[in-house]
């Protein structure tokens, strides 16, 4: 169970960002969040975006772009989110991290058939 008040952590990276072991950075973040028993994570792949360099990244058919934007979202308590932050500081070479207060209306697993 999660309390009603929590934090939403968003991590903005590129699809091609890698860790030292060669694994995609977004996968490494999800696995670390799981290891720390955070409530859950979602990885969203963007169709278009730009970051600090203002270079456009897009999935448009005629414009072949690499490194599409990826957003990792994690909702949990402040205490649990804070356990992940040192790891993020260590592995993120670029990108952006945001944090905001959220109200958790419902948190439960789906029924398996």
Protein backbone atom coordinates (compact mmCIF):
# COMPACT_ATOMS: atom_id res chain seq x y z
CA UNK A 1 0.00 0.00 0.00
CA UNK A 2 1.10 3.52 -0.77
CA UNK A 3 0.00 6.55 1.20
CA UNK A 4 -2.19 9.13 -0.50
CA UNK A 5 0.72 11.58 -0.91
CA UNK A 6 3.75 10.63 -2.95
CA UNK A 7 6.32 11.86 -5.44
CA UNK A 8 6.49 11.50 -9.21
CA UNK A 9 10.05 11.17 -10.46
CA UNK A 10 10.55 11.71 -14.19
CA UNK A 11 13.83 10.95 -15.90
CA UNK A 12 14.35 12.21 -19.45
CA UNK A 13 17.05 10.41 -21.44
CA UNK A 14 17.77 9.33 -24.99
CA UNK A 15 16.94 5.90 -26.35
CA UNK A 16 20.58 5.36 -27.26
CA UNK A 17 21.99 6.34 -23.85
CA UNK A 18 23.94 3.42 -22.40
CA UNK A 19 25.48 2.40 -19.11
CA UNK A 20 29.10 1.34 -18.78
CA UNK A 21 28.03 -2.29 -19.22
CA UNK A 22 26.43 -1.45 -22.61
CA UNK A 23 22.85 -1.96 -21.42
CA UNK A 24 20.32 0.76 -22.32
CA UNK A 25 20.21 3.35 -19.55
CA UNK A 26 16.42 3.24 -19.24
CA UNK A 27 16.58 -0.54 -18.65
CA UNK A 28 19.26 -0.11 -16.00
CA UNK A 29 17.13 2.49 -14.20
CA UNK A 30 14.06 0.21 -14.24
CA UNK A 31 16.09 -2.72 -12.88
CA UNK A 32 17.57 -0.55 -10.11
CA UNK A 33 14.10 0.71 -9.16
CA UNK A 34 12.91 -2.89 -8.97
CA UNK A 35 15.93 -3.87 -6.86
CA UNK A 36 15.05 -1.06 -4.43
CA UNK A 37 11.43 -2.32 -4.28
CA UNK A 38 9.92 0.89 -5.62
CA UNK A 39 6.19 0.76 -6.36
CA UNK A 40 6.70 0.55 -10.14
CA UNK A 41 8.11 2.25 -13.19
CA UNK A 42 6.89 3.05 -16.67
CA UNK A 43 9.09 3.77 -19.69
CA UNK A 44 7.58 5.98 -22.38
CA UNK A 45 9.20 6.32 -25.80
CA UNK A 46 8.66 9.68 -27.45
CA UNK A 47 7.93 10.25 -31.12
CA UNK A 48 9.68 13.61 -31.19
CA UNK A 49 11.58 15.93 -28.90
CA UNK A 50 14.67 17.98 -28.20
CA UNK A 51 16.82 18.70 -25.20
CA UNK A 52 19.58 21.03 -24.10
CA UNK A 53 21.34 20.95 -27.49
CA UNK A 54 18.06 21.79 -29.32
CA UNK A 55 18.75 18.93 -31.76
CA UNK A 56 15.42 17.50 -32.96
CA UNK A 57 14.94 13.76 -32.46
CA UNK A 58 12.02 12.32 -34.39
CA UNK A 59 10.56 9.05 -35.60
CA UNK A 60 9.10 10.56 -38.79
CA UNK A 61 9.36 8.13 -41.68
CA UNK A 62 11.50 10.27 -44.02
CA UNK A 63 13.69 11.67 -41.27
CA UNK A 64 15.77 8.85 -39.86
CA UNK A 65 16.64 9.85 -36.34
CA UNK A 66 18.40 7.93 -33.69
CA UNK A 67 18.24 8.50 -29.99
CA UNK A 68 14.49 9.10 -29.63
CA UNK A 69 13.40 10.63 -26.33
CA UNK A 70 12.59 8.26 -23.46
CA UNK A 71 10.85 9.20 -20.20
CA UNK A 72 10.98 6.95 -17.15
CA UNK A 73 8.23 7.67 -14.61
CA UNK A 74 8.31 6.41 -11.05
CA UNK A 75 5.76 7.11 -8.31
CA UNK A 76 6.46 6.23 -4.69
CA UNK A 77 7.04 7.79 -1.28
CA UNK A 78 9.67 10.48 -0.79
CA UNK A 79 11.76 8.05 1.26
CA UNK A 80 11.78 5.41 -1.48
CA UNK A 81 12.43 7.90 -4.31
CA UNK A 82 15.37 9.33 -2.36
CA UNK A 83 16.98 5.87 -2.33
CA UNK A 84 17.19 5.97 -6.14
CA UNK A 85 18.61 9.49 -6.55
CA UNK A 86 22.30 8.67 -5.80
CA UNK A 87 22.19 5.94 -8.46
CA UNK A 88 20.75 8.39 -11.00
CA UNK A 89 23.47 10.93 -10.25
CA UNK A 90 26.02 8.21 -10.91
CA UNK A 91 24.64 6.89 -14.23
CA UNK A 92 23.15 9.96 -15.94
CA UNK A 93 25.62 11.78 -18.17
CA UNK A 94 22.92 13.97 -19.73
CA UNK A 95 19.19 14.32 -19.69
CA UNK A 96 16.92 15.80 -17.05
CA UNK A 97 15.34 14.71 -13.78
CA UNK A 98 12.17 16.26 -12.37
CA UNK A 99 10.28 15.64 -9.16
CA UNK A 100 6.76 16.68 -8.22
CA UNK A 101 4.22 16.01 -5.52
CA UNK A 102 1.32 13.76 -6.50
CA UNK A 103 -1.87 12.46 -4.96
CA UNK A 104 -2.16 8.69 -5.32
CA UNK A 105 -5.81 7.81 -5.90
CA UNK A 106 -5.43 4.09 -6.44
CA UNK A 107 -2.58 1.57 -6.43
CA UNK A 108 -3.32 -2.11 -6.87
CA UNK A 109 -2.31 -4.96 -9.12
CA UNK A 110 -4.54 -6.34 -11.82
CA UNK A 111 -6.25 -9.71 -11.52
CA UNK A 112 -4.54 -12.62 -13.25
CA UNK A 113 -6.72 -15.14 -15.02
